[in-house]
N, C-alpha and C. Protein backbone atom coordinates (compact mmCIF):
# COMPACT_ATOMS: atom_id res chain seq x y z
N MET A 1 11.07 24.06 -2.41
CA MET A 1 11.25 24.91 -1.29
C MET A 1 11.85 24.19 -0.25
N GLU A 2 11.96 23.02 0.88
CA GLU A 2 12.25 22.74 1.65
C GLU A 2 13.55 22.09 1.07
N MET A 3 14.07 22.29 0.26
CA MET A 3 15.62 21.83 -0.32
C MET A 3 16.75 22.58 0.38
N GLU A 4 18.24 21.33 0.55
CA GLU A 4 18.91 22.71 0.73
C GLU A 4 19.15 23.08 0.06
N GLY A 5 19.79 24.44 0.43
CA GLY A 5 20.24 25.04 -0.71
C GLY A 5 19.46 25.77 -1.64
N PHE A 6 18.18 25.15 -1.70
CA PHE A 6 17.57 26.42 -2.67
C PHE A 6 17.56 27.25 -2.21
N GLN A 7 17.35 28.47 -1.37
CA GLN A 7 17.11 29.55 -0.89
C GLN A 7 18.29 30.74 -1.81
N LYS A 8 19.24 30.16 -0.97
CA LYS A 8 20.59 30.01 -1.65
C LYS A 8 20.51 30.29 -3.20
N LEU A 9 20.05 29.62 -3.31
CA LEU A 9 20.56 28.87 -5.20
C LEU A 9 19.79 29.91 -5.77
N VAL A 10 18.29 30.87 -5.23
CA VAL A 10 17.75 31.04 -5.67
C VAL A 10 18.26 33.05 -6.01
N VAL A 11 18.58 33.05 -4.83
CA VAL A 11 19.11 34.59 -4.27
C VAL A 11 20.49 34.83 -5.66
N GLU A 12 21.54 34.15 -5.31
CA GLU A 12 22.37 34.35 -6.28
C GLU A 12 22.26 34.25 -7.45
N THR A 13 21.51 33.32 -8.01
CA THR A 13 20.47 33.32 -9.63
C THR A 13 20.33 34.28 -9.88
N TRP A 14 19.23 35.06 -8.89
CA TRP A 14 19.03 36.37 -9.08
C TRP A 14 19.66 37.95 -9.05
N ASN A 15 20.57 37.52 -7.99
CA ASN A 15 21.23 38.84 -7.91
C ASN A 15 22.43 38.66 -9.36
N ASN A 16 23.15 37.75 -9.66
CA ASN A 16 24.30 37.05 -10.90
C ASN A 16 23.75 36.60 -12.33
N ASP A 17 22.18 37.04 -12.42
CA ASP A 17 22.33 36.58 -13.98
C ASP A 17 23.17 37.07 -14.57
N GLY A 18 23.20 38.58 -14.47
CA GLY A 18 24.25 39.07 -15.89
C GLY A 18 23.35 39.51 -17.17
N ILE A 19 21.56 39.65 -16.15
CA ILE A 19 20.75 40.32 -17.64
C ILE A 19 20.86 41.64 -17.10
N VAL A 20 20.12 42.32 -18.32
CA VAL A 20 20.47 43.98 -18.40
C VAL A 20 19.29 44.50 -19.30
N ASN A 21 18.38 45.37 -19.17
CA ASN A 21 17.45 46.04 -19.62
C ASN A 21 16.35 46.73 -19.38
N ASP A 22 16.29 48.67 -19.73
CA ASP A 22 15.95 49.34 -19.56
C ASP A 22 14.56 49.18 -19.01
N ASN A 23 13.66 47.69 -19.62
CA ASN A 23 12.28 47.95 -19.65
C ASN A 23 12.44 47.00 -18.50
N GLY A 24 11.68 47.36 -16.75
CA GLY A 24 12.30 46.89 -16.32
C GLY A 24 10.76 45.50 -16.23
N MET A 25 9.28 45.16 -16.69
CA MET A 25 8.93 44.17 -17.55
C MET A 25 9.84 43.45 -18.21
N ILE A 26 9.80 43.80 -19.10
CA ILE A 26 11.19 42.55 -19.52
C ILE A 26 12.19 42.23 -18.44
N LEU A 27 12.89 42.79 -18.12
CA LEU A 27 13.82 42.35 -17.49
C LEU A 27 13.29 41.34 -16.36
N PHE A 28 12.29 41.67 -15.56
CA PHE A 28 11.66 40.67 -14.70
C PHE A 28 11.29 39.82 -15.29
N LYS A 29 11.24 39.42 -16.76
CA LYS A 29 10.33 38.21 -17.59
C LYS A 29 11.46 37.63 -17.57
N ASN A 30 13.12 38.44 -18.05
CA ASN A 30 14.19 37.27 -18.90
C ASN A 30 14.57 37.08 -17.61
N LYS A 31 14.70 37.56 -16.30
CA LYS A 31 15.16 37.49 -15.00
C LYS A 31 14.72 35.61 -14.75
N LEU A 32 12.90 35.84 -14.41
CA LEU A 32 12.24 34.42 -14.07
C LEU A 32 12.55 32.77 -15.05
N GLN A 33 12.93 33.55 -16.62
CA GLN A 33 12.91 32.39 -17.43
C GLN A 33 14.41 31.99 -16.95
N ILE A 34 15.36 32.71 -17.13
CA ILE A 34 17.14 32.09 -16.40
C ILE A 34 16.91 31.66 -15.25
N LEU A 35 15.85 31.86 -14.06
CA LEU A 35 15.76 31.11 -12.82
C LEU A 35 15.50 30.24 -12.71
N LYS A 36 13.85 30.01 -13.37
CA LYS A 36 13.50 28.70 -13.89
C LYS A 36 13.91 27.91 -14.68
N LYS A 37 14.98 27.84 -15.53
CA LYS A 37 15.90 26.94 -16.33
C LYS A 37 17.29 26.64 -15.24
N VAL A 38 17.31 27.44 -14.05
CA VAL A 38 18.62 27.20 -13.77
C VAL A 38 17.83 25.81 -12.66
N ILE A 39 16.93 26.01 -11.58
CA ILE A 39 16.02 25.59 -10.72
C ILE A 39 15.48 24.11 -11.36
N LYS A 40 15.37 24.03 -12.58
CA LYS A 40 14.67 22.36 -13.17
C LYS A 40 16.37 22.23 -12.93
N GLU A 41 17.73 22.47 -13.66
CA GLU A 41 18.32 21.71 -13.92
C GLU A 41 19.07 21.30 -12.34
N TRP A 42 19.54 21.86 -10.93
CA TRP A 42 19.27 22.20 -10.19
C TRP A 42 18.29 20.70 -9.69
N VAL A 43 17.07 20.55 -9.31
CA VAL A 43 16.41 19.51 -9.05
C VAL A 43 16.51 18.74 -10.31
N GLY A 44 17.23 18.88 -11.12
CA GLY A 44 17.60 17.23 -11.78
C GLY A 44 18.92 16.44 -10.85
N LEU A 45 19.28 17.40 -10.74
CA LEU A 45 20.54 16.69 -9.98
C LEU A 45 20.75 16.60 -8.42
N LYS A 46 20.01 16.74 -7.91
CA LYS A 46 19.07 16.59 -6.37
C LYS A 46 18.01 15.57 -6.75
N LYS A 47 17.65 14.84 -7.23
CA LYS A 47 16.74 13.84 -7.76
C LYS A 47 17.43 12.52 -8.16
N ALA A 48 18.17 12.84 -8.77
CA ALA A 48 19.17 11.89 -9.06
C ALA A 48 20.53 11.45 -7.78
N CYS A 49 20.79 12.35 -6.98
CA CYS A 49 21.49 12.25 -5.92
C CYS A 49 20.19 11.05 -4.87
N SER A 50 18.85 12.10 -4.74
CA SER A 50 18.26 11.67 -4.10
C SER A 50 17.83 9.95 -4.51
N TYR A 51 17.23 9.43 -5.19
CA TYR A 51 17.71 8.44 -6.08
C TYR A 51 18.49 7.28 -5.49
N ALA A 52 19.89 7.74 -5.99
CA ALA A 52 21.06 7.55 -5.66
C ALA A 52 21.41 6.80 -3.95
N LEU A 53 20.75 8.20 -3.47
CA LEU A 53 20.66 7.68 -1.73
C LEU A 53 20.17 6.00 -1.23
N ASN A 54 18.91 6.48 -1.15
CA ASN A 54 18.04 5.49 -1.29
C ASN A 54 18.31 4.65 -1.91
N LYS A 55 18.62 4.36 -3.23
CA LYS A 55 19.45 3.12 -3.11
C LYS A 55 20.28 2.40 -2.15
N ASN A 56 21.20 3.10 -1.41
CA ASN A 56 22.20 2.80 -0.94
C ASN A 56 21.45 2.38 0.56
N HIS A 57 21.33 2.98 1.17
CA HIS A 57 20.82 2.59 2.48
C HIS A 57 19.54 1.79 1.90
N GLN A 58 19.14 1.53 0.80
CA GLN A 58 18.13 0.17 0.65
C GLN A 58 19.17 -1.02 0.78
N MET A 59 20.36 -1.37 0.40
CA MET A 59 21.75 -2.11 -0.18
C MET A 59 21.88 -2.03 1.29
N ILE A 60 22.16 -0.82 2.27
CA ILE A 60 22.33 -1.09 3.61
C ILE A 60 21.54 -1.79 4.52
N LEU A 61 19.87 -1.50 5.07
CA LEU A 61 19.10 -2.86 5.39
C LEU A 61 18.83 -4.33 5.02
N SER A 62 19.14 -3.72 3.25
CA SER A 62 19.13 -5.63 3.19
C SER A 62 19.59 -6.48 4.22
N SER A 63 21.62 -5.08 4.31
CA SER A 63 22.03 -6.31 4.40
C SER A 63 22.15 -6.03 6.66
N ILE A 64 21.79 -5.82 7.13
CA ILE A 64 21.67 -5.38 8.56
C ILE A 64 20.40 -6.66 8.10
N ASP A 65 19.45 -6.66 7.71
CA ASP A 65 18.11 -7.53 8.14
C ASP A 65 18.68 -8.86 7.73
N ALA A 66 19.55 -8.60 7.13
CA ALA A 66 20.30 -10.24 6.97
C ALA A 66 20.73 -11.32 7.93
N LYS A 67 21.58 -10.01 8.82
CA LYS A 67 22.41 -9.86 9.83
C LYS A 67 21.92 -10.74 11.01
N ILE A 68 20.49 -9.69 10.64
CA ILE A 68 19.17 -10.36 12.02
C ILE A 68 18.42 -11.56 11.82
N ASP A 69 18.29 -11.59 10.34
CA ASP A 69 17.95 -13.36 10.45
C ASP A 69 18.90 -14.24 10.58
N GLN A 70 20.53 -13.81 10.67
CA GLN A 70 21.06 -14.95 10.80
C GLN A 70 21.73 -14.76 12.43
N GLY A 71 21.19 -14.10 12.87
CA GLY A 71 22.03 -13.60 14.76
C GLY A 71 22.84 -13.66 14.69
N TYR A 72 23.24 -12.97 14.18
CA TYR A 72 24.61 -12.35 14.35
C TYR A 72 24.76 -10.68 13.72
N ALA A 73 23.55 -9.94 14.13
CA ALA A 73 23.88 -8.54 14.09
C ALA A 73 24.02 -7.83 15.27
N SER A 74 25.26 -6.65 15.62
CA SER A 74 25.77 -6.00 16.41
C SER A 74 25.14 -4.91 16.66
N ALA A 75 25.58 -4.04 17.52
CA ALA A 75 24.77 -2.41 17.87
C ALA A 75 25.01 -1.49 16.90
N ASP A 76 26.32 -1.37 16.84
CA ASP A 76 26.01 -0.80 15.44
C ASP A 76 25.03 -0.73 14.23
N ASP A 77 24.79 -2.08 13.81
CA ASP A 77 23.90 -2.45 13.30
C ASP A 77 22.69 -1.66 13.20
N PHE A 78 22.31 -2.04 14.59
CA PHE A 78 21.40 -1.71 14.69
C PHE A 78 20.68 0.07 14.32
N LYS A 79 22.28 0.45 15.23
CA LYS A 79 21.80 2.03 14.88
C LYS A 79 21.55 2.44 13.98
N ALA A 80 23.47 2.09 12.71
CA ALA A 80 22.30 1.79 11.27
C ALA A 80 21.86 2.06 10.58
N ARG A 81 20.73 0.80 11.18
CA ARG A 81 19.15 0.85 10.44
C ARG A 81 18.62 1.50 11.00
N ARG A 82 18.69 2.04 12.10
CA ARG A 82 17.66 3.08 12.73
C ARG A 82 17.88 4.73 11.68
N ASP A 83 19.46 4.47 11.84
CA ASP A 83 19.77 5.91 10.53
C ASP A 83 19.25 5.95 9.38
N SER A 84 19.37 4.82 8.97
CA SER A 84 18.55 4.40 7.22
C SER A 84 16.99 4.37 6.81
N LEU A 85 16.42 4.08 8.02
CA LEU A 85 15.17 4.23 7.19
C LEU A 85 14.75 5.53 8.37
N LYS A 86 15.07 6.29 9.05
CA LYS A 86 15.02 8.07 9.48
C LYS A 86 15.35 8.41 8.21
N ILE A 87 16.47 8.43 7.22
CA ILE A 87 16.43 9.02 5.84
C ILE A 87 15.72 8.99 4.85
N LEU A 88 14.93 7.29 5.01
CA LEU A 88 14.29 7.15 3.64
C LEU A 88 13.11 7.56 4.33
N GLY A 89 13.22 8.08 5.32
CA GLY A 89 11.35 8.36 5.45
C GLY A 89 11.39 9.69 5.41
N ASN A 90 12.29 10.13 5.91
CA ASN A 90 12.16 12.18 5.25
C ASN A 90 12.52 12.50 3.91
N GLN A 91 12.85 10.97 2.72
CA GLN A 91 13.56 11.24 1.90
C GLN A 91 11.85 10.72 0.40
N ASP A 92 11.17 10.24 1.25
CA ASP A 92 9.58 9.52 0.63
C ASP A 92 8.74 10.73 1.35
N ARG A 93 8.41 11.78 2.54
CA ARG A 93 8.49 12.08 2.98
C ARG A 93 8.52 14.05 1.24
N MET A 94 9.85 14.15 1.07
CA MET A 94 9.99 14.91 0.47
C MET A 94 9.13 14.77 -0.72
N GLU A 95 9.30 12.92 -1.63
CA GLU A 95 8.62 12.92 -2.54
C GLU A 95 6.88 12.96 -2.16
N ALA A 96 6.53 12.92 -1.43
CA ALA A 96 5.02 13.10 -1.33
C ALA A 96 4.52 14.50 -1.34
N LYS A 97 5.56 15.59 -0.71
CA LYS A 97 4.81 16.86 -1.05
C LYS A 97 5.44 17.04 -2.01
N ASP A 98 6.47 16.97 -2.99
CA ASP A 98 6.59 16.63 -4.30
C ASP A 98 5.40 16.70 -5.31
N LEU A 99 4.79 15.59 -5.32
CA LEU A 99 3.40 15.13 -5.71
C LEU A 99 2.65 15.68 -5.67
N ALA A 100 2.71 16.35 -4.37
CA ALA A 100 0.91 17.32 -4.38
C ALA A 100 1.62 18.29 -4.61
N GLN A 101 2.36 18.86 -4.95
CA GLN A 101 2.44 19.92 -5.74
C GLN A 101 2.63 19.77 -6.77
N LYS A 102 2.74 19.31 -7.47
CA LYS A 102 2.53 19.36 -9.36
C LYS A 102 1.43 18.18 -8.97
N ALA A 103 0.71 17.90 -8.41
CA ALA A 103 -0.94 17.18 -8.42
C ALA A 103 -1.53 18.48 -8.56
N LYS A 104 -1.87 19.29 -7.61
CA LYS A 104 -2.54 21.01 -7.64
C LYS A 104 -2.64 21.20 -9.05
N ILE A 105 -1.20 21.58 -9.63
CA ILE A 105 -1.23 22.13 -11.40
C ILE A 105 -1.70 20.70 -12.70
N LYS A 106 -1.72 19.53 -12.44
CA LYS A 106 -1.33 19.11 -13.49
C LYS A 106 -3.18 18.56 -13.31
N TRP A 107 -3.67 18.61 -12.27
CA TRP A 107 -5.59 17.76 -11.60
C TRP A 107 -6.35 18.12 -12.81
N ALA A 108 -5.42 19.94 -12.78
CA ALA A 108 -7.46 20.75 -14.11
C ALA A 108 -6.90 20.55 -15.48
N LEU A 109 -5.88 19.29 -15.51
CA LEU A 109 -4.76 18.88 -17.05
C LEU A 109 -5.25 17.75 -17.68
N GLU A 110 -4.83 17.48 -16.13
CA GLU A 110 -5.21 15.59 -16.78
C GLU A 110 -5.70 14.88 -16.43
N GLY A 111 -6.90 15.83 -14.70
CA GLY A 111 -8.41 15.07 -14.22
C GLY A 111 -7.59 13.27 -13.92
N ASP A 112 -8.07 12.82 -13.46
CA ASP A 112 -8.58 11.58 -13.74
C ASP A 112 -7.23 10.61 -13.62
N GLU A 113 -5.96 10.86 -14.66
CA GLU A 113 -5.26 10.36 -15.47
C GLU A 113 -4.03 10.71 -14.60
N ASN A 114 -3.97 11.21 -13.59
CA ASN A 114 -2.75 12.01 -13.50
C ASN A 114 -2.86 10.97 -11.20
N THR A 115 -2.48 9.98 -11.25
CA THR A 115 -2.58 9.07 -9.95
C THR A 115 -1.01 9.39 -9.75
N SER A 116 -0.06 9.91 -9.81
CA SER A 116 1.30 9.83 -9.45
C SER A 116 1.30 10.14 -7.89
N PHE A 117 0.11 11.22 -7.96
CA PHE A 117 0.13 11.98 -6.28
C PHE A 117 -0.79 10.41 -5.48
N PHE A 118 -1.47 9.99 -5.41
CA PHE A 118 -2.64 8.77 -5.19
C PHE A 118 -0.84 7.94 -4.55
N HIS A 119 -0.34 7.20 -6.10
CA HIS A 119 1.00 6.40 -4.95
C HIS A 119 1.85 6.75 -4.27
N GLY A 120 1.91 7.98 -4.56
CA GLY A 120 3.43 8.34 -3.35
C GLY A 120 1.90 8.08 -1.99
N SER A 121 0.61 8.75 -2.57
CA SER A 121 0.31 9.06 -0.69
C SER A 121 0.29 7.38 0.04
N LEU A 122 -0.23 6.67 -0.97
CA LEU A 122 -0.03 5.61 -0.36
C LEU A 122 1.05 4.45 -0.28
N LYS A 123 2.25 5.46 -0.53
CA LYS A 123 3.90 5.01 -0.13
C LYS A 123 3.86 5.40 0.87
N LYS A 124 3.60 7.52 0.97
CA LYS A 124 3.58 7.38 2.83
C LYS A 124 2.97 6.30 3.14
N LYS A 125 2.21 6.64 3.33
CA LYS A 125 0.95 5.53 4.66
C LYS A 125 0.75 4.02 4.39
N ARG A 126 2.48 3.58 3.78
CA ARG A 126 2.26 1.99 3.94
C ARG A 126 4.32 2.19 5.46
N HIS A 127 4.95 3.32 4.56
CA HIS A 127 5.47 4.20 5.15
C HIS A 127 4.97 4.19 7.28
N GLN A 128 4.19 4.91 7.26
CA GLN A 128 3.72 5.54 8.40
C GLN A 128 2.67 3.47 8.97
N LEU A 129 2.49 2.71 8.53
CA LEU A 129 1.71 2.19 9.23
C LEU A 129 3.17 0.56 9.66
N ALA A 130 3.88 1.08 8.71
CA ALA A 130 4.81 0.15 9.02
C ALA A 130 5.39 0.08 10.98
N ILE A 131 5.43 -1.76 10.97
CA ILE A 131 5.42 -1.76 12.55
C ILE A 131 7.11 -1.17 13.38
N LYS A 132 6.82 -0.78 13.82
CA LYS A 132 8.67 -0.09 14.66
C LYS A 132 8.71 -1.22 15.63
N GLY A 133 7.30 -2.15 15.85
CA GLY A 133 7.79 -2.68 17.60
C GLY A 133 7.08 -2.89 18.16
N ILE A 134 7.07 -3.94 18.94
CA ILE A 134 5.69 -4.57 20.07
C ILE A 134 5.96 -4.85 21.27
N LEU A 135 4.66 -5.20 21.95
CA LEU A 135 4.23 -4.96 22.81
C LEU A 135 5.18 -6.76 23.75
N MET A 136 5.62 -6.71 24.71
CA MET A 136 5.75 -8.13 24.29
C MET A 136 6.05 -7.86 26.22
N ASN A 137 5.04 -8.35 26.69
CA ASN A 137 4.65 -9.14 28.49
C ASN A 137 4.90 -7.32 29.15
N GLY A 138 4.69 -6.87 28.96
CA GLY A 138 4.55 -5.18 29.31
C GLY A 138 5.90 -4.05 28.76
N GLU A 139 6.75 -5.00 27.76
CA GLU A 139 7.64 -3.77 27.25
C GLU A 139 7.92 -4.02 25.80
N TRP A 140 8.12 -3.09 25.56
CA TRP A 140 8.81 -2.31 24.84
C TRP A 140 9.26 -3.07 23.59
N VAL A 141 9.35 -3.49 22.35
CA VAL A 141 10.30 -4.33 22.37
C VAL A 141 10.91 -3.31 21.15
N GLU A 142 12.41 -2.79 19.96
CA GLU A 142 11.90 -2.40 19.23
C GLU A 142 13.09 -3.25 18.44
N ASP A 143 13.52 -4.61 19.23
CA ASP A 143 15.17 -4.80 18.25
C ASP A 143 14.24 -6.05 17.38
N PRO A 144 14.78 -5.85 15.87
CA PRO A 144 14.04 -6.49 14.59
C PRO A 144 13.73 -7.37 14.60
N GLY A 145 15.02 -8.47 15.34
CA GLY A 145 15.11 -10.22 15.97
C GLY A 145 14.02 -10.32 16.95
N ARG A 146 13.84 -10.35 17.39
CA ARG A 146 13.04 -10.12 18.95
C ARG A 146 11.46 -9.85 18.12
N VAL A 147 11.38 -8.62 17.08
CA VAL A 147 10.01 -8.64 16.47
C VAL A 147 10.08 -9.64 16.08
N LYS A 148 10.23 -10.22 14.92
CA LYS A 148 10.02 -11.99 13.88
C LYS A 148 9.93 -12.59 14.78
N ALA A 149 11.05 -12.63 15.96
CA ALA A 149 10.74 -14.14 16.31
C ALA A 149 9.47 -13.96 16.68
N GLU A 150 8.76 -13.15 17.36
CA GLU A 150 7.76 -12.87 18.36
C GLU A 150 5.98 -13.59 17.47
N PHE A 151 6.47 -13.30 15.71
CA PHE A 151 5.12 -13.23 15.50
C PHE A 151 5.02 -14.46 14.33
N ILE A 152 6.65 -14.98 14.40
CA ILE A 152 7.12 -16.56 13.91
C ILE A 152 5.94 -16.98 14.90
N SER A 153 6.50 -16.89 16.56
CA SER A 153 5.87 -17.84 17.07
C SER A 153 4.37 -17.69 17.17
N LEU A 154 3.89 -16.54 16.32
CA LEU A 154 2.39 -16.73 17.23
C LEU A 154 1.86 -17.19 15.59
N PHE A 155 2.37 -17.42 14.82
CA PHE A 155 1.19 -17.67 14.02
C PHE A 155 1.90 -19.79 13.75
N ARG A 156 3.62 -19.83 14.27
CA ARG A 156 2.96 -20.81 14.24
C ARG A 156 2.06 -22.21 15.16
N LYS A 157 2.04 -20.77 16.41
CA LYS A 157 0.78 -21.36 17.68
C LYS A 157 0.01 -21.90 16.50
N ARG A 158 -0.19 -20.44 15.79
CA ARG A 158 -2.00 -20.09 15.31
C ARG A 158 -2.54 -21.50 14.16
N PHE A 159 -1.64 -21.51 13.86
CA PHE A 159 -1.26 -22.47 12.45
C PHE A 159 -1.22 -24.23 12.70
N GLN A 160 -0.73 -24.44 13.86
CA GLN A 160 0.09 -25.29 13.68
C GLN A 160 -1.50 -26.20 13.92
N GLN A 161 -1.42 -27.25 13.76
CA GLN A 161 -2.39 -28.77 13.64
C GLN A 161 -2.88 -28.80 14.63
N PRO A 162 -4.63 -29.05 15.51
CA PRO A 162 -4.41 -28.99 16.05
C PRO A 162 -4.39 -30.18 16.76
N PRO A 163 -3.75 -31.22 18.30
CA PRO A 163 -3.78 -32.98 18.72
C PRO A 163 -5.02 -33.21 18.43
N GLY A 164 -5.17 -35.15 18.08
CA GLY A 164 -5.81 -35.85 17.71
C GLY A 164 -5.50 -36.18 16.67
N ALA A 165 -6.62 -36.66 16.10
CA ALA A 165 -6.91 -37.39 14.67
C ALA A 165 -7.51 -36.20 14.02
N PRO A 166 -7.67 -35.78 12.38
CA PRO A 166 -8.05 -34.75 11.69
C PRO A 166 -9.39 -35.49 11.08
N PRO A 167 -10.62 -34.63 11.26
CA PRO A 167 -11.81 -35.08 10.97
C PRO A 167 -11.56 -36.00 9.71
N SER A 168 -13.26 -36.89 9.60
CA SER A 168 -12.40 -37.71 7.94
C SER A 168 -13.81 -37.70 7.69
N LEU A 169 -14.40 -37.43 6.62
CA LEU A 169 -15.60 -37.66 6.29
C LEU A 169 -16.50 -39.33 6.20
N ASP A 170 -16.43 -39.79 6.75
CA ASP A 170 -16.92 -41.35 8.09
C ASP A 170 -16.96 -41.04 8.99
N SER A 171 -16.95 -39.84 9.66
CA SER A 171 -16.59 -40.04 10.84
C SER A 171 -18.51 -39.87 10.65
N ASP A 172 -18.56 -40.75 12.03
CA ASP A 172 -20.48 -40.43 12.64
C ASP A 172 -21.48 -39.92 12.15
N PRO A 173 -20.76 -38.35 13.66
CA PRO A 173 -21.93 -37.60 13.36
C PRO A 173 -21.43 -36.90 12.32
N LEU A 174 -21.88 -36.83 11.30
CA LEU A 174 -21.95 -36.48 9.95
C LEU A 174 -23.37 -37.30 9.44
N SER A 175 -24.24 -35.32 9.42
CA SER A 175 -25.93 -36.36 8.83
C SER A 175 -25.91 -36.92 7.33
N ARG A 176 -26.65 -38.01 7.61
CA ARG A 176 -26.48 -38.35 6.11
C ARG A 176 -27.92 -38.30 5.39
N LEU A 177 -28.85 -39.24 4.61
CA LEU A 177 -29.70 -39.09 4.04
C LEU A 177 -30.07 -39.94 4.15
N SER A 178 -31.51 -40.49 3.86
CA SER A 178 -32.09 -42.00 4.13
C SER A 178 -32.10 -41.80 2.89
N PRO A 179 -32.88 -42.96 2.93
CA PRO A 179 -32.21 -43.83 1.21
C PRO A 179 -33.59 -43.44 0.87
N ALA A 180 -34.51 -43.17 1.67
CA ALA A 180 -35.64 -42.25 0.98
C ALA A 180 -35.96 -41.04 0.47
N GLN A 181 -35.30 -40.51 1.04
CA GLN A 181 -34.59 -39.16 1.00
C GLN A 181 -33.57 -39.53 -0.81
N SER A 182 -33.01 -40.01 -0.74
CA SER A 182 -32.10 -40.30 -1.63
C SER A 182 -32.34 -40.49 -3.31
N ASP A 183 -33.91 -41.46 -2.56
CA ASP A 183 -34.70 -41.61 -3.97
C ASP A 183 -35.44 -40.43 -4.32
N TYR A 184 -35.95 -39.70 -3.41
CA TYR A 184 -36.61 -38.40 -3.58
C TYR A 184 -36.23 -37.36 -4.88
N LEU A 185 -34.55 -37.52 -4.18
CA LEU A 185 -33.93 -36.28 -5.27
C LEU A 185 -33.61 -36.60 -7.21
N GLU A 186 -33.91 -38.02 -6.87
CA GLU A 186 -33.33 -38.73 -8.60
C GLU A 186 -35.01 -39.23 -9.12
N ARG A 187 -35.62 -38.79 -8.45
CA ARG A 187 -36.97 -38.99 -8.75
C ARG A 187 -37.42 -37.68 -9.64
N PRO A 188 -37.52 -37.96 -11.13
CA PRO A 188 -38.42 -36.90 -12.61
C PRO A 188 -39.15 -36.06 -11.87
N ILE A 189 -39.11 -34.64 -11.69
CA ILE A 189 -39.32 -33.42 -12.26
C ILE A 189 -40.97 -33.62 -12.94
N ILE A 190 -41.65 -33.67 -12.31
CA ILE A 190 -43.02 -33.33 -12.70
C ILE A 190 -43.81 -31.98 -13.19
N ARG A 191 -44.58 -32.26 -13.71
CA ARG A 191 -44.82 -30.78 -14.95
C ARG A 191 -46.11 -29.92 -13.71
N GLU A 192 -46.79 -30.42 -13.26
CA GLU A 192 -47.36 -29.86 -11.94
C GLU A 192 -46.15 -29.10 -10.40
N GLU A 193 -45.43 -29.69 -10.63
CA GLU A 193 -44.58 -28.49 -9.87
C GLU A 193 -43.57 -27.92 -10.26
N ILE A 194 -43.41 -27.73 -11.40
CA ILE A 194 -43.26 -26.49 -11.76
C ILE A 194 -44.06 -25.44 -12.13
N LYS A 195 -45.27 -26.00 -12.23
CA LYS A 195 -46.06 -24.94 -12.33
C LYS A 195 -46.41 -24.41 -11.31
N ARG A 196 -46.49 -24.76 -10.23
CA ARG A 196 -46.58 -24.93 -8.53
C ARG A 196 -45.90 -23.73 -8.51
N ALA A 197 -44.46 -24.12 -9.06
CA ALA A 197 -43.21 -23.37 -8.42
C ALA A 197 -43.34 -22.33 -8.84
N ILE A 198 -43.93 -21.63 -10.15
CA ILE A 198 -44.10 -20.37 -11.15
C ILE A 198 -45.16 -20.34 -10.79
N TRP A 199 -46.11 -20.49 -10.53
CA TRP A 199 -47.21 -19.54 -9.26
C TRP A 199 -47.15 -19.21 -8.59
N ASP A 200 -46.22 -19.69 -7.41
CA ASP A 200 -45.77 -19.73 -6.03
C ASP A 200 -45.26 -18.21 -6.43
N CYS A 201 -44.72 -18.35 -6.99
CA CYS A 201 -43.54 -16.74 -7.68
C CYS A 201 -44.08 -15.42 -7.51
N GLY A 202 -44.27 -14.39 -7.32
CA GLY A 202 -44.08 -12.96 -6.87
C GLY A 202 -43.99 -12.39 -7.75
N GLY A 203 -44.36 -10.81 -8.50
CA GLY A 203 -44.12 -10.22 -8.98
C GLY A 203 -42.24 -9.99 -8.98
N ASP A 204 -42.01 -9.27 -8.25
CA ASP A 204 -40.55 -9.64 -7.76
C ASP A 204 -39.67 -10.57 -7.68
N ARG A 205 -40.13 -12.28 -8.11
CA ARG A 205 -39.45 -13.42 -6.94
C ARG A 205 -39.25 -14.20 -8.23
N ALA A 206 -38.01 -15.49 -9.26
CA ALA A 206 -38.22 -16.23 -9.87
C ALA A 206 -37.45 -17.05 -9.03
N PRO A 207 -38.09 -18.61 -9.84
CA PRO A 207 -37.77 -19.72 -8.90
C PRO A 207 -36.25 -20.37 -9.85
N GLY A 208 -34.94 -21.04 -8.36
CA GLY A 208 -34.02 -21.19 -9.00
C GLY A 208 -33.93 -21.90 -9.68
N PRO A 209 -32.62 -22.58 -10.45
CA PRO A 209 -32.94 -24.18 -10.79
C PRO A 209 -32.90 -25.53 -10.03
N ASP A 210 -32.84 -24.67 -9.33
CA ASP A 210 -33.28 -26.53 -8.32
C ASP A 210 -34.83 -26.09 -7.65
N GLY A 211 -35.16 -25.19 -8.16
CA GLY A 211 -37.10 -24.78 -7.75
C GLY A 211 -37.23 -24.00 -6.27
N TYR A 212 -35.89 -23.84 -5.32
CA TYR A 212 -36.34 -22.97 -4.89
C TYR A 212 -36.92 -21.42 -5.36
N THR A 213 -36.81 -20.56 -4.29
CA THR A 213 -37.49 -19.45 -5.13
C THR A 213 -36.71 -18.48 -4.75
N PHE A 214 -36.03 -17.09 -6.02
CA PHE A 214 -34.63 -16.41 -5.36
C PHE A 214 -35.34 -15.45 -6.19
N LYS A 215 -35.26 -14.32 -4.55
CA LYS A 215 -35.86 -13.36 -4.78
C LYS A 215 -35.42 -11.91 -4.77
N PHE A 216 -35.39 -11.25 -6.11
CA PHE A 216 -34.46 -9.74 -6.62
C PHE A 216 -34.58 -9.19 -6.32
N PHE A 217 -33.69 -7.80 -5.88
CA PHE A 217 -33.99 -6.69 -5.25
C PHE A 217 -33.43 -5.90 -6.00
N THR A 218 -35.00 -4.70 -6.20
CA THR A 218 -35.10 -3.71 -7.01
C THR A 218 -34.60 -2.46 -6.43
N SER A 219 -34.08 -2.28 -4.84
CA SER A 219 -33.91 -1.52 -5.01
C SER A 219 -32.88 -1.36 -3.69
N PHE A 220 -31.96 -0.86 -2.75
CA PHE A 220 -31.06 -1.08 -2.48
C PHE A 220 -31.46 0.55 -0.90
């Protein structure tokens, strides 16, 4: 109902459908049937135009982003980018409302199989969470080029290799097993150790594969 031209379409179709019948109920029914058919065809055309519009503005955004990455985008490019983002945002909101309206009807029939509404909600949420700008030294910056450069600089500093030699497994600070401990790990397990490990377990515990006891939780 929020689509431009919908109210005019309904009024003109209702007043000019040419249907005549002496029975008021049959007349009303036939007029609704004609109106439903006209609305369905009109919405189909609107959706086709909407798809073409989305594709066109997505191509515009890709082209402008390429210019921004290469560093020669103009002020007109930034204005065109803002306009395209606004149009795509409006299209996403209309699509989300359409899915929500359909979900109310389909949910009773399809139950959990009706996932289109939830996918639309996620898409809308991603659009709302998109980064529009960042705060740099007390200045709010929306220039995509500067925003990208700041993110690249931040992550480059965070993930760069720290100064100095990288740690080695042969370093002295690492703890090592003594010869006696190494021999203890290699010695065979005797029957008495197995028996003692099992007897030490309670009703809710069991020995692990290495002899240590693991506790099983039966309630949360």
